[in-house]
Amino acid sequence: MADFTSIISSGAARNAYRSSQSLQSRPDALQAPDTDAKPTFADALRDAANQAVQDTRQAEATVQAGISGQVSTQAVIESTIALESTVKVAVTMRDKLVEAYKEVLRMPI
């Protein structure tokens, strides 16, 4: 099983820290909403896929800007590492889904 903590980028950690800081200043934000609508597995999977596509497009744009000299080499490397992490997670999710599908096919009727 993949260790997802080893593939989190420093940018993601910084963004999470900033988000937590803004929540601390608003005590009402820490309370759960009163709605009964809970996200489904399909919603979570769709959100993960959309985020992966967005990360890929952002990495491609950064690499193109790096080729033309508009951004630093460090930004290109960070973007590439973030893309690598996204691809690793996507491949792991795909492998687990295929494994689960095969397991369902092997079930007796």
PDB file of N, CA and C in Angstrom:
ATOM      1  N   MET A   1       0.843  -1.177   0.000  1.00  0.00           N
ATOM      2  CA  MET A   1       0.000   0.000   0.000  1.00  0.00           C
ATOM      3  C   MET A   1       0.886   1.238   0.000  1.00  0.00           C
ATOM      4  N   ALA A   2       0.515   2.233  -0.735  1.00  0.00           N
ATOM      5  CA  ALA A   2       1.316   3.441  -0.856  1.00  0.00           C
ATOM      6  C   ALA A   2       1.196   4.283   0.403  1.00  0.00           C
ATOM      7  N   ASP A   3       2.304   4.926   0.761  1.00  0.00           N
ATOM      8  CA  ASP A   3       2.312   5.825   1.905  1.00  0.00           C
ATOM      9  C   ASP A   3       2.097   7.235   1.375  1.00  0.00           C
ATOM     10  N   PHE A   4       0.882   7.739   1.529  1.00  0.00           N
ATOM     11  CA  PHE A   4       0.534   9.025   0.942  1.00  0.00           C
ATOM     12  C   PHE A   4       1.195  10.193   1.658  1.00  0.00           C
ATOM     13  N   THR A   5       1.644  10.013   2.898  1.00  0.00           N
ATOM     14  CA  THR A   5       2.283  11.108   3.606  1.00  0.00           C
ATOM     15  C   THR A   5       3.632  11.454   3.009  1.00  0.00           C
ATOM     16  N   SER A   6       4.254  10.529   2.309  1.00  0.00           N
ATOM     17  CA  SER A   6       5.563  10.800   1.738  1.00  0.00           C
ATOM     18  C   SER A   6       5.475  11.545   0.409  1.00  0.00           C
ATOM     19  N   ILE A   7       4.276  11.697  -0.152  1.00  0.00           N
ATOM     20  CA  ILE A   7       4.167  12.343  -1.456  1.00  0.00           C
ATOM     21  C   ILE A   7       3.437  13.683  -1.393  1.00  0.00           C
ATOM     22  N   ILE A   8       3.234  14.199  -0.197  1.00  0.00           N
ATOM     23  CA  ILE A   8       2.580  15.499  -0.063  1.00  0.00           C
ATOM     24  C   ILE A   8       3.627  16.577  -0.303  1.00  0.00           C
ATOM     25  N   SER A   9       3.334  17.512  -1.174  1.00  0.00           N
ATOM     26  CA  SER A   9       4.291  18.562  -1.494  1.00  0.00           C
ATOM     27  C   SER A   9       4.315  19.612  -0.394  1.00  0.00           C
ATOM     28  N   SER A  10       5.401  20.367  -0.354  1.00  0.00           N
ATOM     29  CA  SER A  10       5.516  21.414   0.654  1.00  0.00           C
ATOM     30  C   SER A  10       4.492  22.514   0.393  1.00  0.00           C
ATOM     31  N   GLY A  11       4.135  22.735  -0.860  1.00  0.00           N
ATOM     32  CA  GLY A  11       3.115  23.736  -1.177  1.00  0.00           C
ATOM     33  C   GLY A  11       1.762  23.348  -0.620  1.00  0.00           C
ATOM     34  N   ALA A  12       1.428  22.069  -0.703  1.00  0.00           N
ATOM     35  CA  ALA A  12       0.159  21.603  -0.148  1.00  0.00           C
ATOM     36  C   ALA A  12       0.150  21.756   1.363  1.00  0.00           C
ATOM     37  N   ALA A  13       1.289  21.494   1.995  1.00  0.00           N
ATOM     38  CA  ALA A  13       1.374  21.647   3.446  1.00  0.00           C
ATOM     39  C   ALA A  13       1.215  23.110   3.841  1.00  0.00           C
ATOM     40  N   ARG A  14       1.847  24.013   3.073  1.00  0.00           N
ATOM     41  CA  ARG A  14       1.706  25.445   3.369  1.00  0.00           C
ATOM     42  C   ARG A  14       0.259  25.890   3.210  1.00  0.00           C
ATOM     43  N   ASN A  15      -0.405  25.445   2.152  1.00  0.00           N
ATOM     44  CA  ASN A  15      -1.802  25.823   1.933  1.00  0.00           C
ATOM     45  C   ASN A  15      -2.700  25.294   3.038  1.00  0.00           C
ATOM     46  N   ALA A  16      -2.448  24.077   3.484  1.00  0.00           N
ATOM     47  CA  ALA A  16      -3.244  23.510   4.573  1.00  0.00           C
ATOM     48  C   ALA A  16      -3.029  24.303   5.855  1.00  0.00           C
ATOM     49  N   TYR A  17      -1.793  24.713   6.102  1.00  0.00           N
ATOM     50  CA  TYR A  17      -1.507  25.493   7.307  1.00  0.00           C
ATOM     51  C   TYR A  17      -2.218  26.840   7.243  1.00  0.00           C
ATOM     52  N   ARG A  18      -2.175  27.497   6.072  1.00  0.00           N
ATOM     53  CA  ARG A  18      -2.873  28.780   5.933  1.00  0.00           C
ATOM     54  C   ARG A  18      -4.378  28.617   6.139  1.00  0.00           C
ATOM     55  N   SER A  19      -4.932  27.549   5.609  1.00  0.00           N
ATOM     56  CA  SER A  19      -6.365  27.301   5.780  1.00  0.00           C
ATOM     57  C   SER A  19      -6.710  27.097   7.242  1.00  0.00           C
ATOM     58  N   SER A  20      -5.855  26.377   7.955  1.00  0.00           N
ATOM     59  CA  SER A  20      -6.137  26.139   9.372  1.00  0.00           C
ATOM     60  C   SER A  20      -6.018  27.427  10.169  1.00  0.00           C
ATOM     61  N   GLN A  21      -5.114  28.312   9.768  1.00  0.00           N
ATOM     62  CA  GLN A  21      -4.981  29.588  10.465  1.00  0.00           C
ATOM     63  C   GLN A  21      -6.235  30.439  10.289  1.00  0.00           C
ATOM     64  N   SER A  22      -6.804  30.430   9.093  1.00  0.00           N
ATOM     65  CA  SER A  22      -8.011  31.220   8.870  1.00  0.00           C
ATOM     66  C   SER A  22      -9.198  30.638   9.632  1.00  0.00           C
ATOM     67  N   LEU A  23      -9.217  29.323   9.830  1.00  0.00           N
ATOM     68  CA  LEU A  23     -10.298  28.702  10.595  1.00  0.00           C
ATOM     69  C   LEU A  23     -10.205  29.042  12.075  1.00  0.00           C
ATOM     70  N   GLN A  24      -8.984  29.199  12.586  1.00  0.00           N
ATOM     71  CA  GLN A  24      -8.823  29.521  13.995  1.00  0.00           C
ATOM     72  C   GLN A  24      -9.355  30.911  14.309  1.00  0.00           C
ATOM     73  N   SER A  25      -9.276  31.810  13.348  1.00  0.00           N
ATOM     74  CA  SER A  25      -9.770  33.159  13.590  1.00  0.00           C
ATOM     75  C   SER A  25     -11.289  33.245  13.493  1.00  0.00           C
ATOM     76  N   ARG A  26     -11.945  32.209  12.954  1.00  0.00           N
ATOM     77  CA  ARG A  26     -13.403  32.173  12.842  1.00  0.00           C
ATOM     78  C   ARG A  26     -13.919  30.936  13.565  1.00  0.00           C
ATOM     79  N   PRO A  27     -14.336  31.056  14.823  1.00  0.00           N
ATOM     80  CA  PRO A  27     -14.780  29.873  15.564  1.00  0.00           C
ATOM     81  C   PRO A  27     -16.019  29.217  14.970  1.00  0.00           C
ATOM     82  N   ASP A  28     -16.867  29.971  14.277  1.00  0.00           N
ATOM     83  CA  ASP A  28     -18.068  29.377  13.693  1.00  0.00           C
ATOM     84  C   ASP A  28     -17.737  28.477  12.504  1.00  0.00           C
ATOM     85  N   ALA A  29     -16.555  28.638  11.907  1.00  0.00           N
ATOM     86  CA  ALA A  29     -16.172  27.823  10.758  1.00  0.00           C
ATOM     87  C   ALA A  29     -15.820  26.397  11.161  1.00  0.00           C
ATOM     88  N   LEU A  30     -15.525  26.194  12.440  1.00  0.00           N
ATOM     89  CA  LEU A  30     -15.149  24.860  12.897  1.00  0.00           C
ATOM     90  C   LEU A  30     -16.358  23.970  13.134  1.00  0.00           C
ATOM     91  N   GLN A  31     -17.548  24.541  13.181  1.00  0.00           N
ATOM     92  CA  GLN A  31     -18.745  23.750  13.416  1.00  0.00           C
ATOM     93  C   GLN A  31     -19.225  23.137  12.106  1.00  0.00           C
ATOM     94  N   ALA A  32     -19.713  21.926  12.213  1.00  0.00           N
ATOM     95  CA  ALA A  32     -20.217  21.232  11.029  1.00  0.00           C
ATOM     96  C   ALA A  32     -21.522  21.871  10.563  1.00  0.00           C
ATOM     97  N   PRO A  33     -21.753  21.930   9.265  1.00  0.00           N
ATOM     98  CA  PRO A  33     -23.016  22.473   8.772  1.00  0.00           C
ATOM     99  C   PRO A  33     -24.175  21.558   9.160  1.00  0.00           C
ATOM    100  N   ASP A  34     -25.361  22.129   9.215  1.00  0.00           N
ATOM    101  CA  ASP A  34     -26.542  21.390   9.639  1.00  0.00           C
ATOM    102  C   ASP A  34     -27.209  20.611   8.508  1.00  0.00           C
ATOM    103  N   THR A  35     -26.655  20.634   7.341  1.00  0.00           N
ATOM    104  CA  THR A  35     -27.293  19.951   6.218  1.00  0.00           C
ATOM    105  C   THR A  35     -27.164  18.443   6.360  1.00  0.00           C
ATOM    106  N   ASP A  36     -28.147  17.728   5.829  1.00  0.00           N
ATOM    107  CA  ASP A  36     -28.137  16.271   5.863  1.00  0.00           C
ATOM    108  C   ASP A  36     -27.489  15.673   4.617  1.00  0.00           C
ATOM    109  N   ALA A  37     -27.167  16.507   3.644  1.00  0.00           N
ATOM    110  CA  ALA A  37     -26.574  16.014   2.400  1.00  0.00           C
ATOM    111  C   ALA A  37     -25.120  15.635   2.655  1.00  0.00           C
ATOM    112  N   LYS A  38     -24.851  14.337   2.604  1.00  0.00           N
ATOM    113  CA  LYS A  38     -23.491  13.852   2.820  1.00  0.00           C
ATOM    114  C   LYS A  38     -22.879  13.520   1.466  1.00  0.00           C
ATOM    115  N   PRO A  39     -21.589  13.807   1.308  1.00  0.00           N
ATOM    116  CA  PRO A  39     -20.963  13.477   0.027  1.00  0.00           C
ATOM    117  C   PRO A  39     -20.892  11.967  -0.164  1.00  0.00           C
ATOM    118  N   THR A  40     -21.115  11.548  -1.374  1.00  0.00           N
ATOM    119  CA  THR A  40     -21.077  10.127  -1.696  1.00  0.00           C
ATOM    120  C   THR A  40     -19.679   9.751  -2.182  1.00  0.00           C
ATOM    121  N   PHE A  41     -19.460   8.460  -2.348  1.00  0.00           N
ATOM    122  CA  PHE A  41     -18.181   7.987  -2.873  1.00  0.00           C
ATOM    123  C   PHE A  41     -17.959   8.528  -4.281  1.00  0.00           C
ATOM    124  N   ALA A  42     -19.020   8.575  -5.064  1.00  0.00           N
ATOM    125  CA  ALA A  42     -18.908   9.097  -6.432  1.00  0.00           C
ATOM    126  C   ALA A  42     -18.496  10.564  -6.417  1.00  0.00           C
ATOM    127  N   ASP A  43     -19.042  11.338  -5.471  1.00  0.00           N
ATOM    128  CA  ASP A  43     -18.656  12.746  -5.354  1.00  0.00           C
ATOM    129  C   ASP A  43     -17.176  12.876  -5.005  1.00  0.00           C
ATOM    130  N   ALA A  44     -16.725  12.068  -4.064  1.00  0.00           N
ATOM    131  CA  ALA A  44     -15.322  12.116  -3.656  1.00  0.00           C
ATOM    132  C   ALA A  44     -14.406  11.724  -4.808  1.00  0.00           C
ATOM    133  N   LEU A  45     -14.796  10.708  -5.548  1.00  0.00           N
ATOM    134  CA  LEU A  45     -14.000  10.257  -6.688  1.00  0.00           C
ATOM    135  C   LEU A  45     -13.972  11.318  -7.784  1.00  0.00           C
ATOM    136  N   ARG A  46     -15.119  11.939  -8.043  1.00  0.00           N
ATOM    137  CA  ARG A  46     -15.199  13.002  -9.052  1.00  0.00           C
ATOM    138  C   ARG A  46     -14.329  14.189  -8.644  1.00  0.00           C
ATOM    139  N   ASP A  47     -14.393  14.576  -7.376  1.00  0.00           N
ATOM    140  CA  ASP A  47     -13.582  15.695  -6.902  1.00  0.00           C
ATOM    141  C   ASP A  47     -12.089  15.394  -7.022  1.00  0.00           C
ATOM    142  N   ALA A  48     -11.702  14.164  -6.686  1.00  0.00           N
ATOM    143  CA  ALA A  48     -10.292  13.777  -6.793  1.00  0.00           C
ATOM    144  C   ALA A  48      -9.828  13.810  -8.244  1.00  0.00           C
ATOM    145  N   ALA A  49     -10.657  13.333  -9.152  1.00  0.00           N
ATOM    146  CA  ALA A  49     -10.299  13.346 -10.575  1.00  0.00           C
ATOM    147  C   ALA A  49     -10.200  14.776 -11.098  1.00  0.00           C
ATOM    148  N   ASN A  50     -11.137  15.619 -10.711  1.00  0.00           N
ATOM    149  CA  ASN A  50     -11.091  17.021 -11.142  1.00  0.00           C
ATOM    150  C   ASN A  50      -9.849  17.717 -10.607  1.00  0.00           C
ATOM    151  N   GLN A  51      -9.487  17.439  -9.356  1.00  0.00           N
ATOM    152  CA  GLN A  51      -8.287  18.034  -8.769  1.00  0.00           C
ATOM    153  C   GLN A  51      -7.035  17.546  -9.486  1.00  0.00           C
ATOM    154  N   ALA A  52      -7.008  16.276  -9.860  1.00  0.00           N
ATOM    155  CA  ALA A  52      -5.858  15.732 -10.591  1.00  0.00           C
ATOM    156  C   ALA A  52      -5.709  16.412 -11.951  1.00  0.00           C
ATOM    157  N   VAL A  53      -6.819  16.616 -12.638  1.00  0.00           N
ATOM    158  CA  VAL A  53      -6.775  17.298 -13.939  1.00  0.00           C
ATOM    159  C   VAL A  53      -6.302  18.736 -13.763  1.00  0.00           C
ATOM    160  N   GLN A  54      -6.804  19.402 -12.739  1.00  0.00           N
ATOM    161  CA  GLN A  54      -6.402  20.787 -12.481  1.00  0.00           C
ATOM    162  C   GLN A  54      -4.905  20.866 -12.152  1.00  0.00           C
ATOM    163  N   ASP A  55      -4.406  19.954 -11.325  1.00  0.00           N
ATOM    164  CA  ASP A  55      -2.979  19.930 -10.991  1.00  0.00           C
ATOM    165  C   ASP A  55      -2.128  19.678 -12.228  1.00  0.00           C
ATOM    166  N   THR A  56      -2.594  18.793 -13.101  1.00  0.00           N
ATOM    167  CA  THR A  56      -1.856  18.489 -14.326  1.00  0.00           C
ATOM    168  C   THR A  56      -1.785  19.708 -15.235  1.00  0.00           C
ATOM    169  N   ARG A  57      -2.892  20.385 -15.402  1.00  0.00           N
ATOM    170  CA  ARG A  57      -2.903  21.588 -16.255  1.00  0.00           C
ATOM    171  C   ARG A  57      -2.007  22.681 -15.682  1.00  0.00           C
ATOM    172  N   GLN A  58      -2.038  22.837 -14.355  1.00  0.00           N
ATOM    173  CA  GLN A  58      -1.198  23.850 -13.717  1.00  0.00           C
ATOM    174  C   GLN A  58       0.284  23.505 -13.898  1.00  0.00           C
ATOM    175  N   ALA A  59       0.631  22.238 -13.757  1.00  0.00           N
ATOM    176  CA  ALA A  59       2.023  21.818 -13.937  1.00  0.00           C
ATOM    177  C   ALA A  59       2.469  22.036 -15.378  1.00  0.00           C
ATOM    178  N   GLU A  60       1.603  21.720 -16.330  1.00  0.00           N
ATOM    179  CA  GLU A  60       1.948  21.929 -17.739  1.00  0.00           C
ATOM    180  C   GLU A  60       2.168  23.409 -18.038  1.00  0.00           C
ATOM    181  N   ALA A  61       1.322  24.259 -17.475  1.00  0.00           N
ATOM    182  CA  ALA A  61       1.469  25.698 -17.693  1.00  0.00           C
ATOM    183  C   ALA A  61       2.773  26.206 -17.081  1.00  0.00           C
ATOM    184  N   THR A  62       3.123  25.701 -15.913  1.00  0.00           N
ATOM    185  CA  THR A  62       4.362  26.115 -15.264  1.00  0.00           C
ATOM    186  C   THR A  62       5.576  25.664 -16.067  1.00  0.00           C
ATOM    187  N   VAL A  63       5.534  24.448 -16.583  1.00  0.00           N
ATOM    188  CA  VAL A  63       6.648  23.950 -17.400  1.00  0.00           C
ATOM    189  C   VAL A  63       6.781  24.789 -18.668  1.00  0.00           C
ATOM    190  N   GLN A  64       5.678  25.112 -19.315  1.00  0.00           N
ATOM    191  CA  GLN A  64       5.733  25.950 -20.522  1.00  0.00           C
ATOM    192  C   GLN A  64       6.307  27.329 -20.198  1.00  0.00           C
ATOM    193  N   ALA A  65       5.893  27.887 -19.046  1.00  0.00           N
ATOM    194  CA  ALA A  65       6.432  29.186 -18.642  1.00  0.00           C
ATOM    195  C   ALA A  65       7.920  29.072 -18.317  1.00  0.00           C
ATOM    196  N   GLY A  66       8.330  27.940 -17.775  1.00  0.00           N
ATOM    197  CA  GLY A  66       9.742  27.724 -17.485  1.00  0.00           C
ATOM    198  C   GLY A  66      10.574  27.610 -18.747  1.00  0.00           C
ATOM    199  N   ILE A  67      10.022  26.969 -19.767  1.00  0.00           N
ATOM    200  CA  ILE A  67      10.734  26.839 -21.042  1.00  0.00           C
ATOM    201  C   ILE A  67      10.956  28.207 -21.669  1.00  0.00           C
ATOM    202  N   SER A  68       9.968  29.081 -21.539  1.00  0.00           N
ATOM    203  CA  SER A  68      10.105  30.416 -22.119  1.00  0.00           C
ATOM    204  C   SER A  68      10.833  31.382 -21.191  1.00  0.00           C
ATOM    205  N   GLY A  69      11.229  30.913 -19.996  1.00  0.00           N
ATOM    206  CA  GLY A  69      12.009  31.746 -19.088  1.00  0.00           C
ATOM    207  C   GLY A  69      11.193  32.681 -18.221  1.00  0.00           C
ATOM    208  N   GLN A  70       9.902  32.457 -18.110  1.00  0.00           N
ATOM    209  CA  GLN A  70       9.054  33.344 -17.320  1.00  0.00           C
ATOM    210  C   GLN A  70       9.030  32.983 -15.838  1.00  0.00           C
ATOM    211  N   VAL A  71       9.343  31.737 -15.499  1.00  0.00           N
ATOM    212  CA  VAL A  71       9.391  31.324 -14.092  1.00  0.00           C
ATOM    213  C   VAL A  71      10.736  30.661 -13.822  1.00  0.00           C
ATOM    214  N   SER A  72      11.076  30.583 -12.542  1.00  0.00           N
ATOM    215  CA  SER A  72      12.372  30.028 -12.157  1.00  0.00           C
ATOM    216  C   SER A  72      12.398  28.509 -12.312  1.00  0.00           C
ATOM    217  N   THR A  73      13.600  27.987 -12.321  1.00  0.00           N
ATOM    218  CA  THR A  73      13.780  26.538 -12.404  1.00  0.00           C
ATOM    219  C   THR A  73      13.188  25.860 -11.181  1.00  0.00           C
ATOM    220  N   GLN A  74      13.316  26.507 -10.030  1.00  0.00           N
ATOM    221  CA  GLN A  74      12.769  25.938  -8.797  1.00  0.00           C
ATOM    222  C   GLN A  74      11.255  25.768  -8.897  1.00  0.00           C
ATOM    223  N   ALA A  75      10.566  26.744  -9.474  1.00  0.00           N
ATOM    224  CA  ALA A  75       9.111  26.638  -9.628  1.00  0.00           C
ATOM    225  C   ALA A  75       8.746  25.486 -10.557  1.00  0.00           C
ATOM    226  N   VAL A  76       9.539  25.287 -11.596  1.00  0.00           N
ATOM    227  CA  VAL A  76       9.283  24.179 -12.522  1.00  0.00           C
ATOM    228  C   VAL A  76       9.482  22.845 -11.812  1.00  0.00           C
ATOM    229  N   ILE A  77      10.539  22.740 -11.014  1.00  0.00           N
ATOM    230  CA  ILE A  77      10.812  21.497 -10.290  1.00  0.00           C
ATOM    231  C   ILE A  77       9.719  21.216  -9.268  1.00  0.00           C
ATOM    232  N   GLU A  78       9.294  22.244  -8.523  1.00  0.00           N
ATOM    233  CA  GLU A  78       8.211  22.055  -7.543  1.00  0.00           C
ATOM    234  C   GLU A  78       6.925  21.610  -8.232  1.00  0.00           C
ATOM    235  N   SER A  79       6.643  22.207  -9.368  1.00  0.00           N
ATOM    236  CA  SER A  79       5.446  21.842 -10.120  1.00  0.00           C
ATOM    237  C   SER A  79       5.534  20.410 -10.630  1.00  0.00           C
ATOM    238  N   THR A  80       6.708  20.014 -11.077  1.00  0.00           N
ATOM    239  CA  THR A  80       6.907  18.649 -11.562  1.00  0.00           C
ATOM    240  C   THR A  80       6.768  17.639 -10.431  1.00  0.00           C
ATOM    241  N   ILE A  81       7.294  17.963  -9.263  1.00  0.00           N
ATOM    242  CA  ILE A  81       7.174  17.069  -8.104  1.00  0.00           C
ATOM    243  C   ILE A  81       5.716  16.947  -7.680  1.00  0.00           C
ATOM    244  N   ALA A  82       4.988  18.065  -7.692  1.00  0.00           N
ATOM    245  CA  ALA A  82       3.560  18.015  -7.352  1.00  0.00           C
ATOM    246  C   ALA A  82       2.797  17.158  -8.357  1.00  0.00           C
ATOM    247  N   LEU A  83       3.144  17.272  -9.631  1.00  0.00           N
ATOM    248  CA  LEU A  83       2.500  16.456 -10.663  1.00  0.00           C
ATOM    249  C   LEU A  83       2.826  14.980 -10.466  1.00  0.00           C
ATOM    250  N   GLU A  84       4.070  14.683 -10.114  1.00  0.00           N
ATOM    251  CA  GLU A  84       4.457  13.292  -9.861  1.00  0.00           C
ATOM    252  C   GLU A  84       3.637  12.710  -8.711  1.00  0.00           C
ATOM    253  N   SER A  85       3.440  13.500  -7.666  1.00  0.00           N
ATOM    254  CA  SER A  85       2.629  13.047  -6.534  1.00  0.00           C
ATOM    255  C   SER A  85       1.192  12.781  -6.959  1.00  0.00           C
ATOM    256  N   THR A  86       0.650  13.661  -7.773  1.00  0.00           N
ATOM    257  CA  THR A  86      -0.717  13.493  -8.259  1.00  0.00           C
ATOM    258  C   THR A  86      -0.843  12.223  -9.090  1.00  0.00           C
ATOM    259  N   VAL A  87       0.138  11.978  -9.942  1.00  0.00           N
ATOM    260  CA  VAL A  87       0.105  10.779 -10.786  1.00  0.00           C
ATOM    261  C   VAL A  87       0.211   9.518  -9.929  1.00  0.00           C
ATOM    262  N   LYS A  88       1.070   9.540  -8.910  1.00  0.00           N
ATOM    263  CA  LYS A  88       1.204   8.372  -8.029  1.00  0.00           C
ATOM    264  C   LYS A  88      -0.117   8.053  -7.332  1.00  0.00           C
ATOM    265  N   VAL A  89      -0.780   9.082  -6.832  1.00  0.00           N
ATOM    266  CA  VAL A  89      -2.063   8.870  -6.152  1.00  0.00           C
ATOM    267  C   VAL A  89      -3.103   8.358  -7.143  1.00  0.00           C
ATOM    268  N   ALA A  90      -3.143   8.939  -8.343  1.00  0.00           N
ATOM    269  CA  ALA A  90      -4.120   8.508  -9.351  1.00  0.00           C
ATOM    270  C   ALA A  90      -3.889   7.057  -9.759  1.00  0.00           C
ATOM    271  N   VAL A  91      -2.640   6.668  -9.937  1.00  0.00           N
ATOM    272  CA  VAL A  91      -2.337   5.286 -10.321  1.00  0.00           C
ATOM    273  C   VAL A  91      -2.699   4.331  -9.191  1.00  0.00           C
ATOM    274  N   THR A  92      -2.424   4.723  -7.961  1.00  0.00           N
ATOM    275  CA  THR A  92      -2.777   3.882  -6.817  1.00  0.00           C
ATOM    276  C   THR A  92      -4.285   3.711  -6.715  1.00  0.00           C
ATOM    277  N   MET A  93      -5.028   4.794  -6.923  1.00  0.00           N
ATOM    278  CA  MET A  93      -6.492   4.706  -6.888  1.00  0.00           C
ATOM    279  C   MET A  93      -6.999   3.800  -8.005  1.00  0.00           C
ATOM    280  N   ARG A  94      -6.449   3.954  -9.192  1.00  0.00           N
ATOM    281  CA  ARG A  94      -6.854   3.104 -10.312  1.00  0.00           C
ATOM    282  C   ARG A  94      -6.594   1.641 -10.012  1.00  0.00           C
ATOM    283  N   ASP A  95      -5.414   1.345  -9.472  1.00  0.00           N
ATOM    284  CA  ASP A  95      -5.068  -0.041  -9.152  1.00  0.00           C
ATOM    285  C   ASP A  95      -6.031  -0.635  -8.130  1.00  0.00           C
ATOM    286  N   LYS A  96      -6.391   0.159  -7.127  1.00  0.00           N
ATOM    287  CA  LYS A  96      -7.326  -0.328  -6.103  1.00  0.00           C
ATOM    288  C   LYS A  96      -8.715  -0.562  -6.697  1.00  0.00           C
ATOM    289  N   LEU A  97      -9.155   0.322  -7.584  1.00  0.00           N
ATOM    290  CA  LEU A  97     -10.461   0.144  -8.216  1.00  0.00           C
ATOM    291  C   LEU A  97     -10.484  -1.091  -9.112  1.00  0.00           C
ATOM    292  N   VAL A  98      -9.420  -1.310  -9.859  1.00  0.00           N
ATOM    293  CA  VAL A  98      -9.344  -2.499 -10.713  1.00  0.00           C
ATOM    294  C   VAL A  98      -9.317  -3.755  -9.859  1.00  0.00           C
ATOM    295  N   GLU A  99      -8.558  -3.721  -8.771  1.00  0.00           N
ATOM    296  CA  GLU A  99      -8.494  -4.866  -7.864  1.00  0.00           C
ATOM    297  C   GLU A  99      -9.868  -5.167  -7.263  1.00  0.00           C
ATOM    298  N   ALA A 100     -10.593  -4.128  -6.858  1.00  0.00           N
ATOM    299  CA  ALA A 100     -11.933  -4.325  -6.295  1.00  0.00           C
ATOM    300  C   ALA A 100     -12.886  -4.879  -7.348  1.00  0.00           C
ATOM    301  N   TYR A 101     -12.786  -4.396  -8.580  1.00  0.00           N
ATOM    302  CA  TYR A 101     -13.638  -4.888  -9.663  1.00  0.00           C
ATOM    303  C   TYR A 101     -13.376  -6.369  -9.927  1.00  0.00           C
ATOM    304  N   LYS A 102     -12.112  -6.744  -9.955  1.00  0.00           N
ATOM    305  CA  LYS A 102     -11.766  -8.151 -10.173  1.00  0.00           C
ATOM    306  C   LYS A 102     -12.282  -9.025  -9.034  1.00  0.00           C
ATOM    307  N   GLU A 103     -12.231  -8.487  -7.826  1.00  0.00           N
ATOM    308  CA  GLU A 103     -12.732  -9.236  -6.674  1.00  0.00           C
ATOM    309  C   GLU A 103     -14.239  -9.454  -6.779  1.00  0.00           C
ATOM    310  N   VAL A 104     -14.960  -8.447  -7.249  1.00  0.00           N
ATOM    311  CA  VAL A 104     -16.405  -8.581  -7.437  1.00  0.00           C
ATOM    312  C   VAL A 104     -16.693  -9.632  -8.505  1.00  0.00           C
ATOM    313  N   LEU A 105     -15.902  -9.654  -9.562  1.00  0.00           N
ATOM    314  CA  LEU A 105     -16.103 -10.649 -10.619  1.00  0.00           C
ATOM    315  C   LEU A 105     -15.870 -12.074 -10.124  1.00  0.00           C
ATOM    316  N   ARG A 106     -14.988 -12.244  -9.161  1.00  0.00           N
ATOM    317  CA  ARG A 106     -14.699 -13.577  -8.634  1.00  0.00           C
ATOM    318  C   ARG A 106     -15.738 -14.058  -7.623  1.00  0.00           C
ATOM    319  N   MET A 107     -16.626 -13.187  -7.189  1.00  0.00           N
ATOM    320  CA  MET A 107     -17.637 -13.575  -6.194  1.00  0.00           C
ATOM    321  C   MET A 107     -18.609 -14.593  -6.783  1.00  0.00           C
ATOM    322  N   PRO A 108     -18.965 -15.597  -5.984  1.00  0.00           N
ATOM    323  CA  PRO A 108     -19.964 -16.557  -6.474  1.00  0.00           C
ATOM    324  C   PRO A 108     -21.352 -15.922  -6.496  1.00  0.00           C
ATOM    325  N   ILE A 109     -22.133 -16.347  -7.441  1.00  0.00           N
ATOM    326  CA  ILE A 109     -23.487 -15.790  -7.576  1.00  0.00           C
ATOM    327  C   ILE A 109     -24.456 -16.555  -6.714  1.00  0.00           C
TER     328      ILE A 109
END
